[in-house]
Amino acid sequence: MNPYSISDTSHLRATIILLAIFVLGWQPVARAEVPTWLSRMVQAKTNHDFTGTLVYMGDGALESALVIHRKNKDGSTARFISLNGPWIEIHRTNDRLIQVLPSKNKVVDGGRWPAPFDMALRSGSERLSHHYRFEEAGTDRVAMRPCLRTVVKSIDDLRFSYKLCLDQETGLLLDVQVIDTDGSIRQQVMFTQLHLGPPKQGDVPAELDISQFRHQQSNAETAMTAGEEQSWRIDTLPAGFVITSARQGKAETAQATMTHLILSDGLASVSVFINTLTDKPALTGAMRKGVLNAYGCVNEGMQITAVGEVPIKTLEMIGLSLHRVGFVPDGTEPSRTSATPGSK
């Protein structure tokens, strides 16, 4: 498919990335109009050192990871270490991420993942209130710590809902449940142990010597020009979603250019990958992996793959209504009409 496809986020790697997104992926952004607990939550990670064990449950899988988080004058660092399954580590220094694969003597440098609640803060409650309700749901206890239950509830069937539990003392996020449109828990990530303060010597594994590992740069993407952006149009955008980024990179298995569009409703995000169809379609129809859904189709000679933490219905709506401006199947002179992505 492509280096960002649903198959590339399989097993524990997807789990650790999800942990990084939900637990440590936020940056402090002050917006008074969002719920107070949300502002406190995004600030919490910059104020605390902590070590903890995280457990992931979803699609019949039970996986865990150790996280070591340290704050410093320049920001923060975090180290995620898989505790079962393949040995995988993700190291995060502010916005820089590297993936360490000891069994392959390999390091993948670079890459960025969306931070959902950072986007929520930037969007503010006015935009989000059209599609989500923020509710407090009482107190609970996670990892032997009192926490405040809160709900971010979708008001339609085009996006998932979230149930969160925030540590009452620190504001740290202790538990995340992703709720499907039928009310079932699609996926859950929670701390089972949490220690505040710097880790004690001997409590965490020594840093790996990766000097002899093979280093690989993650697939680099560059921003598209205004003219390049206008070559794509989505006729039927799901309510609330807009295109927030349009970038290009090289496809993993070919030298052809891959177009990567990112859409967001202010909280949920969808990646759309557009590749030239070279042989047979890499994906047609729907596919599920944990909290991620994918939908693939061939449209105007292009392989289109939409991936995101949203229902299949939303991905299908996007994939089937994506068009190249001026595309003419019979090869006649194309139209000169253009439209900005997302416009109708």
C-alpha atoms as a PDB file:
ATOM      1  CA  MET A   1       0.000   0.000   0.000  1.00  0.00           C
ATOM      2  CA  ASN A   2       2.195   2.840   1.283  1.00  0.00           C
ATOM      3  CA  PRO A   3       4.391   3.566   4.308  1.00  0.00           C
ATOM      4  CA  TYR A   4       1.495   5.130   6.206  1.00  0.00           C
ATOM      5  CA  SER A   5      -1.092   2.442   5.486  1.00  0.00           C
ATOM      6  CA  ILE A   6      -3.041   0.440   7.983  1.00  0.00           C
ATOM      7  CA  SER A   7      -0.795  -2.577   7.400  1.00  0.00           C
ATOM      8  CA  ASP A   8       2.198  -0.506   8.459  1.00  0.00           C
ATOM      9  CA  THR A   9       0.681   0.068  11.906  1.00  0.00           C
ATOM     10  CA  SER A  10       0.138  -3.580  12.739  1.00  0.00           C
ATOM     11  CA  HIS A  11       0.563  -5.273  16.125  1.00  0.00           C
ATOM     12  CA  LEU A  12       2.480  -3.568  18.911  1.00  0.00           C
ATOM     13  CA  ARG A  13       3.962  -0.774  16.837  1.00  0.00           C
ATOM     14  CA  ALA A  14       0.459   0.618  16.348  1.00  0.00           C
ATOM     15  CA  THR A  15      -0.179   0.198  20.054  1.00  0.00           C
ATOM     16  CA  ILE A  16       2.877   2.173  21.127  1.00  0.00           C
ATOM     17  CA  ILE A  17       2.156   4.899  18.592  1.00  0.00           C
ATOM     18  CA  LEU A  18      -1.379   5.116  19.942  1.00  0.00           C
ATOM     19  CA  LEU A  19      -0.006   5.432  23.469  1.00  0.00           C
ATOM     20  CA  ALA A  20       2.306   8.224  22.326  1.00  0.00           C
ATOM     21  CA  ILE A  21      -0.591  10.052  20.681  1.00  0.00           C
ATOM     22  CA  PHE A  22      -2.999   9.862  23.591  1.00  0.00           C
ATOM     23  CA  VAL A  23      -0.669  10.053  26.575  1.00  0.00           C
ATOM     24  CA  LEU A  24       2.218  12.254  25.477  1.00  0.00           C
ATOM     25  CA  GLY A  25       1.221  13.746  22.147  1.00  0.00           C
ATOM     26  CA  TRP A  26      -0.141  17.082  23.326  1.00  0.00           C
ATOM     27  CA  GLN A  27       1.426  20.503  23.429  1.00  0.00           C
ATOM     28  CA  PRO A  28       0.165  23.199  25.829  1.00  0.00           C
ATOM     29  CA  VAL A  29      -2.225  25.585  24.071  1.00  0.00           C
ATOM     30  CA  ALA A  30      -4.244  28.072  26.093  1.00  0.00           C
ATOM     31  CA  ARG A  31      -7.896  28.357  25.063  1.00  0.00           C
ATOM     32  CA  ALA A  32     -10.267  29.554  27.793  1.00  0.00           C
ATOM     33  CA  GLU A  33     -13.412  28.464  25.960  1.00  0.00           C
ATOM     34  CA  VAL A  34     -12.642  24.721  26.099  1.00  0.00           C
ATOM     35  CA  PRO A  35     -13.478  22.696  29.215  1.00  0.00           C
ATOM     36  CA  THR A  36     -11.118  23.424  32.113  1.00  0.00           C
ATOM     37  CA  TRP A  37     -10.158  19.787  32.506  1.00  0.00           C
ATOM     38  CA  LEU A  38      -9.028  19.624  28.873  1.00  0.00           C
ATOM     39  CA  SER A  39      -6.678  22.581  29.302  1.00  0.00           C
ATOM     40  CA  ARG A  40      -5.334  21.069  32.525  1.00  0.00           C
ATOM     41  CA  MET A  41      -4.768  17.709  30.835  1.00  0.00           C
ATOM     42  CA  VAL A  42      -2.592  19.065  28.044  1.00  0.00           C
ATOM     43  CA  GLN A  43      -0.526  21.074  30.521  1.00  0.00           C
ATOM     44  CA  ALA A  44       0.038  18.105  32.841  1.00  0.00           C
ATOM     45  CA  LYS A  45       2.651  16.281  30.783  1.00  0.00           C
ATOM     46  CA  THR A  46       5.013  19.261  30.753  1.00  0.00           C
ATOM     47  CA  ASN A  47       4.932  19.539  34.542  1.00  0.00           C
ATOM     48  CA  HIS A  48       5.767  16.000  35.654  1.00  0.00           C
ATOM     49  CA  ASP A  49       8.366  13.271  35.474  1.00  0.00           C
ATOM     50  CA  PHE A  50       6.758   9.843  35.636  1.00  0.00           C
ATOM     51  CA  THR A  51       7.246   6.164  34.900  1.00  0.00           C
ATOM     52  CA  GLY A  52       4.354   3.823  34.267  1.00  0.00           C
ATOM     53  CA  THR A  53       3.048   0.637  32.730  1.00  0.00           C
ATOM     54  CA  LEU A  54       0.431   1.051  30.037  1.00  0.00           C
ATOM     55  CA  VAL A  55      -1.907  -1.700  28.879  1.00  0.00           C
ATOM     56  CA  TYR A  56      -3.645  -1.781  25.502  1.00  0.00           C
ATOM     57  CA  MET A  57      -6.797  -3.797  24.838  1.00  0.00           C
ATOM     58  CA  GLY A  58      -8.478  -4.060  21.469  1.00  0.00           C
ATOM     59  CA  ASP A  59      -9.462  -6.571  18.772  1.00  0.00           C
ATOM     60  CA  GLY A  60      -8.827  -9.421  21.199  1.00  0.00           C
ATOM     61  CA  ALA A  61      -5.251  -8.283  21.863  1.00  0.00           C
ATOM     62  CA  LEU A  62      -3.747  -7.492  25.256  1.00  0.00           C
ATOM     63  CA  GLU A  63      -0.420  -5.704  25.058  1.00  0.00           C
ATOM     64  CA  SER A  64       1.640  -3.545  27.364  1.00  0.00           C
ATOM     65  CA  ALA A  65       4.445  -1.013  27.315  1.00  0.00           C
ATOM     66  CA  LEU A  66       6.692   0.767  29.790  1.00  0.00           C
ATOM     67  CA  VAL A  67       6.793   4.562  29.460  1.00  0.00           C
ATOM     68  CA  ILE A  68       9.487   6.793  30.969  1.00  0.00           C
ATOM     69  CA  HIS A  69       8.728  10.508  30.733  1.00  0.00           C
ATOM     70  CA  ARG A  70      11.091  13.303  31.735  1.00  0.00           C
ATOM     71  CA  LYS A  71      10.587  17.047  31.604  1.00  0.00           C
ATOM     72  CA  ASN A  72      13.466  19.428  30.990  1.00  0.00           C
ATOM     73  CA  LYS A  73      14.044  23.102  30.309  1.00  0.00           C
ATOM     74  CA  ASP A  74      13.653  22.541  26.558  1.00  0.00           C
ATOM     75  CA  GLY A  75      10.473  20.458  26.713  1.00  0.00           C
ATOM     76  CA  SER A  76      10.163  16.764  27.408  1.00  0.00           C
ATOM     77  CA  THR A  77      11.425  13.325  26.424  1.00  0.00           C
ATOM     78  CA  ALA A  78       9.670   9.985  26.510  1.00  0.00           C
ATOM     79  CA  ARG A  79      10.693   6.395  25.944  1.00  0.00           C
ATOM     80  CA  PHE A  80       8.146   3.666  25.183  1.00  0.00           C
ATOM     81  CA  ILE A  81       9.265   0.027  25.480  1.00  0.00           C
ATOM     82  CA  SER A  82       7.103  -2.931  24.494  1.00  0.00           C
ATOM     83  CA  LEU A  83       6.769  -5.470  27.321  1.00  0.00           C
ATOM     84  CA  ASN A  84       5.288  -8.328  25.297  1.00  0.00           C
ATOM     85  CA  GLY A  85       5.383  -9.354  21.664  1.00  0.00           C
ATOM     86  CA  PRO A  86       8.137  -7.992  19.395  1.00  0.00           C
ATOM     87  CA  TRP A  87      10.700  -5.745  21.101  1.00  0.00           C
ATOM     88  CA  ILE A  88       9.931  -2.244  19.895  1.00  0.00           C
ATOM     89  CA  GLU A  89      10.863   1.118  21.346  1.00  0.00           C
ATOM     90  CA  ILE A  90       9.745   4.613  20.448  1.00  0.00           C
ATOM     91  CA  HIS A  91      11.828   7.550  21.649  1.00  0.00           C
ATOM     92  CA  ARG A  92      10.350  11.021  21.613  1.00  0.00           C
ATOM     93  CA  THR A  93      12.219  14.275  22.140  1.00  0.00           C
ATOM     94  CA  ASN A  94       9.766  17.157  21.850  1.00  0.00           C
ATOM     95  CA  ASP A  95       8.482  16.738  18.278  1.00  0.00           C
ATOM     96  CA  ARG A  96      11.145  14.293  17.074  1.00  0.00           C
ATOM     97  CA  LEU A  97      10.325  10.585  17.039  1.00  0.00           C
ATOM     98  CA  ILE A  98      12.535   7.581  16.368  1.00  0.00           C
ATOM     99  CA  GLN A  99      11.483   3.954  16.274  1.00  0.00           C
ATOM    100  CA  VAL A 100      13.981   1.341  17.439  1.00  0.00           C
ATOM    101  CA  LEU A 101      13.605  -2.261  16.225  1.00  0.00           C
ATOM    102  CA  PRO A 102      16.320  -4.276  18.043  1.00  0.00           C
ATOM    103  CA  SER A 103      15.396  -7.598  16.398  1.00  0.00           C
ATOM    104  CA  LYS A 104      16.179  -6.017  13.015  1.00  0.00           C
ATOM    105  CA  ASN A 105      19.112  -3.871  14.214  1.00  0.00           C
ATOM    106  CA  LYS A 106      17.198  -0.979  12.708  1.00  0.00           C
ATOM    107  CA  VAL A 107      16.282   2.582  13.630  1.00  0.00           C
ATOM    108  CA  VAL A 108      13.641   4.588  11.755  1.00  0.00           C
ATOM    109  CA  ASP A 109      14.201   8.298  12.286  1.00  0.00           C
ATOM    110  CA  GLY A 110      11.503  10.925  11.875  1.00  0.00           C
ATOM    111  CA  GLY A 111       7.761  10.839  11.499  1.00  0.00           C
ATOM    112  CA  ARG A 112       4.878  12.708  13.069  1.00  0.00           C
ATOM    113  CA  TRP A 113       1.525  11.563  14.382  1.00  0.00           C
ATOM    114  CA  PRO A 114      -1.578  13.630  15.024  1.00  0.00           C
ATOM    115  CA  ALA A 115      -2.336  14.730  18.588  1.00  0.00           C
ATOM    116  CA  PRO A 116      -6.125  14.693  18.833  1.00  0.00           C
ATOM    117  CA  PHE A 117      -6.705  16.800  21.920  1.00  0.00           C
ATOM    118  CA  ASP A 118      -4.114  19.361  20.875  1.00  0.00           C
ATOM    119  CA  MET A 119      -6.275  19.872  17.784  1.00  0.00           C
ATOM    120  CA  ALA A 120      -9.328  20.125  20.023  1.00  0.00           C
ATOM    121  CA  LEU A 121      -7.754  22.960  21.983  1.00  0.00           C
ATOM    122  CA  ARG A 122      -6.792  24.808  18.848  1.00  0.00           C
ATOM    123  CA  SER A 123     -10.267  24.341  17.396  1.00  0.00           C
ATOM    124  CA  GLY A 124     -12.063  25.579  20.498  1.00  0.00           C
ATOM    125  CA  SER A 125     -15.441  24.493  21.763  1.00  0.00           C
ATOM    126  CA  GLU A 126     -17.524  26.464  19.240  1.00  0.00           C
ATOM    127  CA  ARG A 127     -16.455  24.295  16.302  1.00  0.00           C
ATOM    128  CA  LEU A 128     -16.372  21.039  18.267  1.00  0.00           C
ATOM    129  CA  SER A 129     -19.782  21.608  19.854  1.00  0.00           C
ATOM    130  CA  HIS A 130     -21.437  21.024  16.475  1.00  0.00           C
ATOM    131  CA  HIS A 131     -20.208  17.434  16.515  1.00  0.00           C
ATOM    132  CA  TYR A 132     -19.251  16.521  20.115  1.00  0.00           C
ATOM    133  CA  ARG A 133     -20.597  16.999  23.631  1.00  0.00           C
ATOM    134  CA  PHE A 134     -18.204  17.344  26.586  1.00  0.00           C
ATOM    135  CA  GLU A 135     -19.586  15.736  29.746  1.00  0.00           C
ATOM    136  CA  GLU A 136     -18.256  15.006  33.226  1.00  0.00           C
ATOM    137  CA  ALA A 137     -19.132  11.483  34.399  1.00  0.00           C
ATOM    138  CA  GLY A 138     -18.102  11.308  38.062  1.00  0.00           C
ATOM    139  CA  THR A 139     -15.002   9.923  39.732  1.00  0.00           C
ATOM    140  CA  ASP A 140     -13.205   6.604  39.340  1.00  0.00           C
ATOM    141  CA  ARG A 141      -9.902   4.931  40.218  1.00  0.00           C
ATOM    142  CA  VAL A 142      -7.185   3.877  37.766  1.00  0.00           C
ATOM    143  CA  ALA A 143      -3.724   2.562  38.728  1.00  0.00           C
ATOM    144  CA  MET A 144      -4.761   3.037  42.375  1.00  0.00           C
ATOM    145  CA  ARG A 145      -5.201   6.778  41.777  1.00  0.00           C
ATOM    146  CA  PRO A 146      -8.458   8.796  41.992  1.00  0.00           C
ATOM    147  CA  CYS A 147      -9.443  10.205  38.629  1.00  0.00           C
ATOM    148  CA  LEU A 148     -12.195  12.254  36.990  1.00  0.00           C
ATOM    149  CA  ARG A 149     -14.234  10.508  34.311  1.00  0.00           C
ATOM    150  CA  THR A 150     -15.072  12.672  31.309  1.00  0.00           C
ATOM    151  CA  VAL A 151     -16.784  11.908  28.019  1.00  0.00           C
ATOM    152  CA  VAL A 152     -16.257  13.421  24.573  1.00  0.00           C
ATOM    153  CA  LYS A 153     -19.422  12.150  22.883  1.00  0.00           C
ATOM    154  CA  SER A 154     -20.042  12.249  19.146  1.00  0.00           C
ATOM    155  CA  ILE A 155     -23.524  13.475  18.244  1.00  0.00           C
ATOM    156  CA  ASP A 156     -23.617  11.597  14.905  1.00  0.00           C
ATOM    157  CA  ASP A 157     -22.343   8.349  13.345  1.00  0.00           C
ATOM    158  CA  LEU A 158     -19.466   9.916  11.398  1.00  0.00           C
ATOM    159  CA  ARG A 159     -16.934   9.847  14.252  1.00  0.00           C
ATOM    160  CA  PHE A 160     -16.046   7.929  17.412  1.00  0.00           C
ATOM    161  CA  SER A 161     -16.577   9.034  21.014  1.00  0.00           C
ATOM    162  CA  TYR A 162     -13.990   8.995  23.838  1.00  0.00           C
ATOM    163  CA  LYS A 163     -14.171   8.238  27.549  1.00  0.00           C
ATOM    164  CA  LEU A 164     -11.240   9.581  29.541  1.00  0.00           C
ATOM    165  CA  CYS A 165     -10.097   9.442  33.145  1.00  0.00           C
ATOM    166  CA  LEU A 166      -7.832  12.245  34.389  1.00  0.00           C
ATOM    167  CA  ASP A 167      -5.715  11.958  37.521  1.00  0.00           C
ATOM    168  CA  GLN A 168      -7.231  14.265  40.137  1.00  0.00           C
ATOM    169  CA  GLU A 169      -3.853  15.304  41.552  1.00  0.00           C
ATOM    170  CA  THR A 170      -1.879  15.967  38.366  1.00  0.00           C
ATOM    171  CA  GLY A 171      -4.334  16.044  35.448  1.00  0.00           C
ATOM    172  CA  LEU A 172      -2.421  13.252  33.698  1.00  0.00           C
ATOM    173  CA  LEU A 173      -4.514  11.083  31.434  1.00  0.00           C
ATOM    174  CA  LEU A 174      -4.753   7.631  33.031  1.00  0.00           C
ATOM    175  CA  ASP A 175      -7.294   5.887  30.823  1.00  0.00           C
ATOM    176  CA  VAL A 176      -8.654   6.327  27.277  1.00  0.00           C
ATOM    177  CA  GLN A 177     -11.557   4.373  25.805  1.00  0.00           C
ATOM    178  CA  VAL A 178     -12.461   4.784  22.141  1.00  0.00           C
ATOM    179  CA  ILE A 179     -16.204   4.204  21.767  1.00  0.00           C
ATOM    180  CA  ASP A 180     -17.672   2.937  18.498  1.00  0.00           C
ATOM    181  CA  THR A 181     -20.942   4.243  17.064  1.00  0.00           C
ATOM    182  CA  ASP A 182     -22.809   1.245  18.543  1.00  0.00           C
ATOM    183  CA  GLY A 183     -21.591   2.118  22.061  1.00  0.00           C
ATOM    184  CA  SER A 184     -19.031  -0.694  22.300  1.00  0.00           C
ATOM    185  CA  ILE A 185     -15.453  -0.079  23.449  1.00  0.00           C
ATOM    186  CA  ARG A 186     -13.380  -0.164  20.276  1.00  0.00           C
ATOM    187  CA  GLN A 187     -10.057   0.148  22.070  1.00  0.00           C
ATOM    188  CA  GLN A 188      -8.727   1.031  25.520  1.00  0.00           C
ATOM    189  CA  VAL A 189      -5.353   2.250  26.775  1.00  0.00           C
ATOM    190  CA  MET A 190      -4.798   2.623  30.513  1.00  0.00           C
ATOM    191  CA  PHE A 191      -2.088   2.857  33.135  1.00  0.00           C
ATOM    192  CA  THR A 192      -1.905  -0.090  35.503  1.00  0.00           C
ATOM    193  CA  GLN A 193       1.013   1.422  37.431  1.00  0.00           C
ATOM    194  CA  LEU A 194       2.180   5.026  37.695  1.00  0.00           C
ATOM    195  CA  HIS A 195       5.127   6.447  39.637  1.00  0.00           C
ATOM    196  CA  LEU A 196       5.500  10.229  39.838  1.00  0.00           C
ATOM    197  CA  GLY A 197       8.982  11.717  39.901  1.00  0.00           C
ATOM    198  CA  PRO A 198      12.255  10.712  38.231  1.00  0.00           C
ATOM    199  CA  PRO A 199      12.736   6.942  37.795  1.00  0.00           C
ATOM    200  CA  LYS A 200      14.862   5.237  40.415  1.00  0.00           C
ATOM    201  CA  GLN A 201      18.154   3.731  39.300  1.00  0.00           C
ATOM    202  CA  GLY A 202      17.614   0.143  38.228  1.00  0.00           C
ATOM    203  CA  ASP A 203      13.863   0.537  37.774  1.00  0.00           C
ATOM    204  CA  VAL A 204      14.080   1.082  34.013  1.00  0.00           C
ATOM    205  CA  PRO A 205      16.100  -0.692  31.295  1.00  0.00           C
ATOM    206  CA  ALA A 206      19.404   0.823  30.255  1.00  0.00           C
ATOM    207  CA  GLU A 207      19.459   2.859  27.076  1.00  0.00           C
ATOM    208  CA  LEU A 208      20.197   0.765  23.973  1.00  0.00           C
ATOM    209  CA  ASP A 209      23.425   1.280  22.053  1.00  0.00           C
ATOM    210  CA  ILE A 210      22.074   1.961  18.576  1.00  0.00           C
ATOM    211  CA  SER A 211      25.356   3.192  17.082  1.00  0.00           C
ATOM    212  CA  GLN A 212      25.722  -0.005  15.027  1.00  0.00           C
ATOM    213  CA  PHE A 213      22.063  -0.192  13.993  1.00  0.00           C
ATOM    214  CA  ARG A 214      21.025   0.479  10.419  1.00  0.00           C
ATOM    215  CA  HIS A 215      19.410   3.926  10.287  1.00  0.00           C
ATOM    216  CA  GLN A 216      16.534   4.656   7.953  1.00  0.00           C
ATOM    217  CA  GLN A 217      14.818   7.961   7.403  1.00  0.00           C
ATOM    218  CA  SER A 218      11.043   7.801   7.437  1.00  0.00           C
ATOM    219  CA  ASN A 219       9.315   8.740   4.218  1.00  0.00           C
ATOM    220  CA  ALA A 220       9.787  12.490   3.848  1.00  0.00           C
ATOM    221  CA  GLU A 221       6.932  14.658   2.663  1.00  0.00           C
ATOM    222  CA  THR A 222       6.886  18.223   1.436  1.00  0.00           C
ATOM    223  CA  ALA A 223       4.030  20.713   1.417  1.00  0.00           C
ATOM    224  CA  MET A 224       2.198  21.002  -1.872  1.00  0.00           C
ATOM    225  CA  THR A 225       2.008  24.321  -3.660  1.00  0.00           C
ATOM    226  CA  ALA A 226      -1.326  26.107  -3.991  1.00  0.00           C
ATOM    227  CA  GLY A 227      -1.583  24.948  -7.596  1.00  0.00           C
ATOM    228  CA  GLU A 228      -0.886  21.328  -6.664  1.00  0.00           C
ATOM    229  CA  GLU A 229      -3.447  21.463  -3.870  1.00  0.00           C
ATOM    230  CA  GLN A 230      -6.083  22.714  -6.300  1.00  0.00           C
ATOM    231  CA  SER A 231      -5.673  19.603  -8.459  1.00  0.00           C
ATOM    232  CA  TRP A 232      -7.774  17.620  -5.962  1.00  0.00           C
ATOM    233  CA  ARG A 233     -11.357  18.116  -4.850  1.00  0.00           C
ATOM    234  CA  ILE A 234     -13.586  16.230  -2.399  1.00  0.00           C
ATOM    235  CA  ASP A 235     -17.174  16.677  -3.516  1.00  0.00           C
ATOM    236  CA  THR A 236     -18.844  15.302  -0.378  1.00  0.00           C
ATOM    237  CA  LEU A 237     -16.960  16.071   2.811  1.00  0.00           C
ATOM    238  CA  PRO A 238     -18.346  14.502   6.008  1.00  0.00           C
ATOM    239  CA  ALA A 239     -19.895  17.192   8.194  1.00  0.00           C
ATOM    240  CA  GLY A 240     -17.275  19.122  10.141  1.00  0.00           C
ATOM    241  CA  PHE A 241     -14.215  17.815   8.280  1.00  0.00           C
ATOM    242  CA  VAL A 242     -11.878  20.119   6.380  1.00  0.00           C
ATOM    243  CA  ILE A 243      -8.544  19.522   4.674  1.00  0.00           C
ATOM    244  CA  THR A 244      -5.827  20.720   7.055  1.00  0.00           C
ATOM    245  CA  SER A 245      -2.715  19.551   5.175  1.00  0.00           C
ATOM    246  CA  ALA A 246      -1.721  18.579   1.645  1.00  0.00           C
ATOM    247  CA  ARG A 247       1.717  17.027   1.152  1.00  0.00           C
ATOM    248  CA  GLN A 248       3.652  14.920  -1.338  1.00  0.00           C
ATOM    249  CA  GLY A 249       6.230  12.182  -0.932  1.00  0.00           C
ATOM    250  CA  LYS A 250       7.632   9.120  -2.664  1.00  0.00           C
ATOM    251  CA  ALA A 251       5.597   5.913  -2.645  1.00  0.00           C
ATOM    252  CA  GLU A 252       7.290   3.089  -0.742  1.00  0.00           C
ATOM    253  CA  THR A 253       7.536   0.629  -3.639  1.00  0.00           C
ATOM    254  CA  ALA A 254       7.935   2.999  -6.566  1.00  0.00           C
ATOM    255  CA  GLN A 255       9.455   6.288  -7.580  1.00  0.00           C
ATOM    256  CA  ALA A 256       6.043   7.741  -8.307  1.00  0.00           C
ATOM    257  CA  THR A 257       4.810  10.647  -6.231  1.00  0.00           C
ATOM    258  CA  MET A 258       2.305   9.945  -3.474  1.00  0.00           C
ATOM    259  CA  THR A 259      -0.158  12.626  -2.413  1.00  0.00           C
ATOM    260  CA  HIS A 260      -1.121  12.728   1.275  1.00  0.00           C
ATOM    261  CA  LEU A 261      -4.139  14.767   2.381  1.00  0.00           C
ATOM    262  CA  ILE A 262      -5.052  15.144   6.061  1.00  0.00           C
ATOM    263  CA  LEU A 263      -8.603  15.981   7.063  1.00  0.00           C
ATOM    264  CA  SER A 264      -9.826  16.848  10.550  1.00  0.00           C
ATOM    265  CA  ASP A 265     -13.002  17.834  12.348  1.00  0.00           C
ATOM    266  CA  GLY A 266     -10.935  19.455  15.115  1.00  0.00           C
ATOM    267  CA  LEU A 267     -10.490  16.180  17.006  1.00  0.00           C
ATOM    268  CA  ALA A 268     -10.611  13.129  14.740  1.00  0.00           C
ATOM    269  CA  SER A 269      -8.278  12.999  11.737  1.00  0.00           C
ATOM    270  CA  VAL A 270      -8.196  11.085   8.455  1.00  0.00           C
ATOM    271  CA  SER A 271      -5.211  10.506   6.169  1.00  0.00           C
ATOM    272  CA  VAL A 272      -5.908  10.063   2.466  1.00  0.00           C
ATOM    273  CA  PHE A 273      -3.116   8.568   0.336  1.00  0.00           C
ATOM    274  CA  ILE A 274      -3.287   8.862  -3.443  1.00  0.00           C
ATOM    275  CA  ASN A 275      -0.969   6.714  -5.559  1.00  0.00           C
ATOM    276  CA  THR A 276      -0.747   5.949  -9.254  1.00  0.00           C
ATOM    277  CA  LEU A 277      -2.275   2.537  -9.901  1.00  0.00           C
ATOM    278  CA  THR A 278       0.584   0.366 -11.208  1.00  0.00           C
ATOM    279  CA  ASP A 279      -0.782  -3.183 -11.195  1.00  0.00           C
ATOM    280  CA  LYS A 280      -3.772  -4.284  -9.177  1.00  0.00           C
ATOM    281  CA  PRO A 281      -5.409  -2.275  -6.378  1.00  0.00           C
ATOM    282  CA  ALA A 282      -3.624  -2.564  -3.034  1.00  0.00           C
ATOM    283  CA  LEU A 283      -6.902  -2.261  -1.152  1.00  0.00           C
ATOM    284  CA  THR A 284     -10.510  -2.212  -2.281  1.00  0.00           C
ATOM    285  CA  GLY A 285     -13.259  -1.991   0.280  1.00  0.00           C
ATOM    286  CA  ALA A 286     -12.972  -1.781   4.058  1.00  0.00           C
ATOM    287  CA  MET A 287     -10.319  -3.021   6.475  1.00  0.00           C
ATOM    288  CA  ARG A 288     -10.013  -2.759  10.262  1.00  0.00           C
ATOM    289  CA  LYS A 289      -6.981  -2.847  12.577  1.00  0.00           C
ATOM    290  CA  GLY A 290      -7.656  -1.962  16.193  1.00  0.00           C
ATOM    291  CA  VAL A 291      -8.978   1.569  16.444  1.00  0.00           C
ATOM    292  CA  LEU A 292      -7.970   2.287  12.845  1.00  0.00           C
ATOM    293  CA  ASN A 293     -10.238   1.766   9.866  1.00  0.00           C
ATOM    294  CA  ALA A 294      -9.214   1.893   6.228  1.00  0.00           C
ATOM    295  CA  TYR A 295     -11.121   2.148   2.996  1.00  0.00           C
ATOM    296  CA  GLY A 296      -9.590   1.713  -0.450  1.00  0.00           C
ATOM    297  CA  CYS A 297     -10.915   2.297  -3.936  1.00  0.00           C
ATOM    298  CA  VAL A 298      -9.732   3.055  -7.459  1.00  0.00           C
ATOM    299  CA  ASN A 299     -10.890   6.416  -8.696  1.00  0.00           C
ATOM    300  CA  GLU A 300      -9.869   7.987 -12.017  1.00  0.00           C
ATOM    301  CA  GLY A 301      -6.942   5.594 -12.392  1.00  0.00           C
ATOM    302  CA  MET A 302      -5.575   6.303  -8.902  1.00  0.00           C
ATOM    303  CA  GLN A 303      -5.369   4.081  -5.821  1.00  0.00           C
ATOM    304  CA  ILE A 304      -7.059   6.001  -3.014  1.00  0.00           C
ATOM    305  CA  THR A 305      -6.657   4.806   0.578  1.00  0.00           C
ATOM    306  CA  ALA A 306      -8.349   6.622   3.462  1.00  0.00           C
ATOM    307  CA  VAL A 307      -7.152   5.691   6.971  1.00  0.00           C
ATOM    308  CA  GLY A 308      -8.309   7.062  10.302  1.00  0.00           C
ATOM    309  CA  GLU A 309      -9.857   6.622  13.720  1.00  0.00           C
ATOM    310  CA  VAL A 310     -13.339   7.165  12.317  1.00  0.00           C
ATOM    311  CA  PRO A 311     -16.141   4.851  11.102  1.00  0.00           C
ATOM    312  CA  ILE A 312     -15.852   3.175   7.697  1.00  0.00           C
ATOM    313  CA  LYS A 313     -18.843   5.236   6.550  1.00  0.00           C
ATOM    314  CA  THR A 314     -16.781   8.421   6.904  1.00  0.00           C
ATOM    315  CA  LEU A 315     -13.779   7.000   5.027  1.00  0.00           C
ATOM    316  CA  GLU A 316     -15.955   5.658   2.216  1.00  0.00           C
ATOM    317  CA  MET A 317     -17.656   9.030   1.807  1.00  0.00           C
ATOM    318  CA  ILE A 318     -14.256  10.688   1.421  1.00  0.00           C
ATOM    319  CA  GLY A 319     -12.687   8.078  -0.856  1.00  0.00           C
ATOM    320  CA  LEU A 320     -15.560   7.844  -3.324  1.00  0.00           C
ATOM    321  CA  SER A 321     -15.976  11.619  -3.699  1.00  0.00           C
ATOM    322  CA  LEU A 322     -12.284  12.478  -4.251  1.00  0.00           C
ATOM    323  CA  HIS A 323     -11.579  13.725  -7.768  1.00  0.00           C
ATOM    324  CA  ARG A 324      -8.769  15.141  -9.866  1.00  0.00           C
ATOM    325  CA  VAL A 325      -9.809  18.518 -11.185  1.00  0.00           C
ATOM    326  CA  GLY A 326      -9.985  18.481 -14.966  1.00  0.00           C
ATOM    327  CA  PHE A 327      -9.684  14.677 -15.281  1.00  0.00           C
ATOM    328  CA  VAL A 328     -11.179  13.396 -18.548  1.00  0.00           C
ATOM    329  CA  PRO A 329     -11.224   9.579 -18.965  1.00  0.00           C
ATOM    330  CA  ASP A 330     -11.187   9.529 -22.788  1.00  0.00           C
ATOM    331  CA  GLY A 331      -8.030  11.653 -22.979  1.00  0.00           C
ATOM    332  CA  THR A 332      -9.667  14.733 -24.506  1.00  0.00           C
ATOM    333  CA  GLU A 333      -8.631  18.200 -23.466  1.00  0.00           C
ATOM    334  CA  PRO A 334      -9.246  18.553 -19.707  1.00  0.00           C
ATOM    335  CA  SER A 335     -11.302  21.305 -18.162  1.00  0.00           C
ATOM    336  CA  ARG A 336      -9.403  24.323 -16.904  1.00  0.00           C
ATOM    337  CA  THR A 337     -11.778  24.693 -13.942  1.00  0.00           C
ATOM    338  CA  SER A 338     -10.107  24.196 -10.569  1.00  0.00           C
ATOM    339  CA  ALA A 339     -11.247  24.035  -6.985  1.00  0.00           C
ATOM    340  CA  THR A 340      -9.558  24.152  -3.644  1.00  0.00           C
ATOM    341  CA  PRO A 341      -9.520  20.797  -1.835  1.00  0.00           C
ATOM    342  CA  GLY A 342     -12.632  20.451   0.251  1.00  0.00           C
ATOM    343  CA  SER A 343     -14.662  22.984  -1.713  1.00  0.00           C
ATOM    344  CA  LYS A 344     -17.828  21.975  -3.484  1.00  0.00           C
END
